[in-house]
């Protein structure tokens, strides 16, 4: 799920760093930035719900 989340973040303009499936600081920051921008709870963590949200919005 981390690699899918990273790929979606990239498509949406949020740079998580390399799409490598590793939950590093760049990925956490990109997730947090996305969550903040969309008014979602900011956790910095991937989830099926977050991935679904990103996919519904072009990611």
C-alpha atoms as a PDB file:
ATOM      1  CA  UNK A   1       0.000   0.000   0.000  1.00  0.00           C
ATOM      2  CA  UNK A   2       2.903   2.401   0.636  1.00  0.00           C
ATOM      3  CA  UNK A   3       4.143   2.245  -2.976  1.00  0.00           C
ATOM      4  CA  UNK A   4       0.594   2.806  -4.280  1.00  0.00           C
ATOM      5  CA  UNK A   5       0.225   5.777  -1.946  1.00  0.00           C
ATOM      6  CA  UNK A   6       3.564   7.198  -3.083  1.00  0.00           C
ATOM      7  CA  UNK A   7       2.587   6.834  -6.750  1.00  0.00           C
ATOM      8  CA  UNK A   8      -0.755   8.561  -6.130  1.00  0.00           C
ATOM      9  CA  UNK A   9       0.944  11.380  -4.254  1.00  0.00           C
ATOM     10  CA  UNK A  10       3.286  11.943  -7.198  1.00  0.00           C
ATOM     11  CA  UNK A  11       0.400  12.052  -9.673  1.00  0.00           C
ATOM     12  CA  UNK A  12      -1.274  14.664  -7.473  1.00  0.00           C
ATOM     13  CA  UNK A  13       1.823  16.859  -7.246  1.00  0.00           C
ATOM     14  CA  UNK A  14       3.061  15.853  -3.790  1.00  0.00           C
ATOM     15  CA  UNK A  15       6.649  14.597  -3.822  1.00  0.00           C
ATOM     16  CA  UNK A  16       7.095  11.633  -1.463  1.00  0.00           C
ATOM     17  CA  UNK A  17      10.591  10.888  -2.752  1.00  0.00           C
ATOM     18  CA  UNK A  18      11.262   7.604  -4.526  1.00  0.00           C
ATOM     19  CA  UNK A  19       8.353   5.243  -5.130  1.00  0.00           C
ATOM     20  CA  UNK A  20      10.007   2.391  -3.275  1.00  0.00           C
ATOM     21  CA  UNK A  21       7.405   1.172  -0.802  1.00  0.00           C
ATOM     22  CA  UNK A  22       9.423   2.518   2.134  1.00  0.00           C
ATOM     23  CA  UNK A  23       7.610   4.693   4.646  1.00  0.00           C
ATOM     24  CA  UNK A  24      10.283   7.374   5.068  1.00  0.00           C
ATOM     25  CA  UNK A  25      10.133  11.004   6.169  1.00  0.00           C
ATOM     26  CA  UNK A  26       9.437  12.291   2.645  1.00  0.00           C
ATOM     27  CA  UNK A  27       6.431  10.030   2.317  1.00  0.00           C
ATOM     28  CA  UNK A  28       5.116  11.020   5.744  1.00  0.00           C
ATOM     29  CA  UNK A  29       5.474  14.711   4.908  1.00  0.00           C
ATOM     30  CA  UNK A  30       3.801  14.337   1.504  1.00  0.00           C
ATOM     31  CA  UNK A  31       0.890  12.456   3.105  1.00  0.00           C
ATOM     32  CA  UNK A  32       0.575  15.123   5.800  1.00  0.00           C
ATOM     33  CA  UNK A  33       0.629  17.897   3.188  1.00  0.00           C
ATOM     34  CA  UNK A  34      -2.071  16.155   1.160  1.00  0.00           C
ATOM     35  CA  UNK A  35      -4.235  15.545   4.227  1.00  0.00           C
ATOM     36  CA  UNK A  36      -3.889  19.157   5.338  1.00  0.00           C
ATOM     37  CA  UNK A  37      -4.702  20.515   1.882  1.00  0.00           C
ATOM     38  CA  UNK A  38      -7.908  18.467   1.727  1.00  0.00           C
ATOM     39  CA  UNK A  39      -8.999  19.191   5.308  1.00  0.00           C
ATOM     40  CA  UNK A  40      -8.462  15.598   6.408  1.00  0.00           C
ATOM     41  CA  UNK A  41      -7.105  14.559   9.798  1.00  0.00           C
ATOM     42  CA  UNK A  42      -3.327  14.934   9.523  1.00  0.00           C
ATOM     43  CA  UNK A  43      -1.726  11.645  10.526  1.00  0.00           C
ATOM     44  CA  UNK A  44       1.101  11.301   8.019  1.00  0.00           C
ATOM     45  CA  UNK A  45       0.179   7.638   7.676  1.00  0.00           C
ATOM     46  CA  UNK A  46      -1.177   5.718   4.695  1.00  0.00           C
ATOM     47  CA  UNK A  47      -4.508   3.946   4.908  1.00  0.00           C
ATOM     48  CA  UNK A  48      -6.954   2.321   2.498  1.00  0.00           C
ATOM     49  CA  UNK A  49      -9.296   5.278   3.018  1.00  0.00           C
ATOM     50  CA  UNK A  50      -6.571   7.788   2.160  1.00  0.00           C
ATOM     51  CA  UNK A  51      -5.588   5.868  -0.959  1.00  0.00           C
ATOM     52  CA  UNK A  52      -9.233   5.748  -2.037  1.00  0.00           C
ATOM     53  CA  UNK A  53      -9.545   9.509  -1.462  1.00  0.00           C
ATOM     54  CA  UNK A  54      -6.463  10.197  -3.568  1.00  0.00           C
ATOM     55  CA  UNK A  55      -7.664   7.929  -6.372  1.00  0.00           C
ATOM     56  CA  UNK A  56     -11.066   9.645  -6.428  1.00  0.00           C
ATOM     57  CA  UNK A  57      -9.263  12.979  -6.866  1.00  0.00           C
ATOM     58  CA  UNK A  58      -6.930  11.977  -9.691  1.00  0.00           C
ATOM     59  CA  UNK A  59      -4.152  10.139  -7.905  1.00  0.00           C
END
